[in-house]
Amino acid sequence: MKKKTKAVDKKVIPYLSTGMIIGLLIGSLTDNIGLWLSLGLAIGASVGYAQVDKK
């Protein structure tokens, strides 16, 4: 099991928060916050982890 590093957190958290904000905005416009919030978080996490350099 790998240890989490601060470098991973620093690169992933901004994408997570951006995905959450976008998901809330789209969800409030379409009256389906649950769906879009979860999609925004999932997309934000995947983009954030894609930006992390692999060793």
Protein backbone atom coordinates (compact mmCIF):
# COMPACT_ATOMS: atom_id res chain seq x y z
CA MET A 1 0.00 0.00 0.00
CA LYS A 2 1.44 3.35 -1.04
CA LYS A 3 1.62 6.37 1.19
CA LYS A 4 -0.16 9.48 0.05
CA THR A 5 2.11 12.40 -0.57
CA LYS A 6 1.46 16.10 -0.32
CA ALA A 7 2.42 16.48 -3.98
CA VAL A 8 -0.52 14.29 -4.98
CA ASP A 9 -2.89 16.23 -2.76
CA LYS A 10 -1.69 19.57 -4.11
CA LYS A 11 -2.40 18.51 -7.68
CA VAL A 12 -5.67 16.64 -7.14
CA ILE A 13 -7.56 18.91 -4.73
CA PRO A 14 -7.91 21.89 -7.12
CA TYR A 15 -9.42 19.61 -9.78
CA LEU A 16 -11.77 18.05 -7.24
CA SER A 17 -13.04 21.43 -6.10
CA THR A 18 -13.42 22.65 -9.69
CA GLY A 19 -15.35 19.53 -10.60
CA MET A 20 -17.58 19.97 -7.55
CA ILE A 21 -18.37 23.59 -8.46
CA ILE A 22 -19.12 22.73 -12.08
CA GLY A 23 -21.26 19.78 -10.99
CA LEU A 24 -23.24 21.98 -8.60
CA LEU A 25 -23.80 24.61 -11.27
CA ILE A 26 -24.99 22.15 -13.90
CA GLY A 27 -27.02 20.25 -11.32
CA SER A 28 -28.83 23.36 -10.15
CA LEU A 29 -29.62 24.32 -13.74
CA THR A 30 -31.00 20.88 -14.59
CA ASP A 31 -32.62 20.22 -11.17
CA ASN A 32 -30.54 17.07 -10.72
CA ILE A 33 -27.82 18.03 -8.24
CA GLY A 34 -27.09 14.48 -7.08
CA LEU A 35 -26.18 13.22 -10.53
CA TRP A 36 -24.08 16.17 -11.60
CA LEU A 37 -22.31 16.59 -8.27
CA SER A 38 -21.11 12.99 -8.37
CA LEU A 39 -20.15 13.27 -12.05
CA GLY A 40 -18.24 16.49 -11.40
CA LEU A 41 -16.32 14.94 -8.52
CA ALA A 42 -15.50 11.81 -10.53
CA ILE A 43 -14.31 13.79 -13.54
CA GLY A 44 -12.32 16.18 -11.33
CA ALA A 45 -10.62 13.29 -9.54
CA SER A 46 -9.74 11.52 -12.77
CA VAL A 47 -8.28 14.68 -14.33
CA GLY A 48 -6.36 15.45 -11.14
CA TYR A 49 -4.83 12.00 -10.89
CA ALA A 50 -3.93 12.13 -14.57
CA GLN A 51 -1.85 15.25 -13.85
CA VAL A 52 0.22 13.51 -11.17
CA ASP A 53 3.67 12.48 -12.37
CA LYS A 54 4.27 8.75 -12.19
CA LYS A 55 7.59 7.58 -10.80
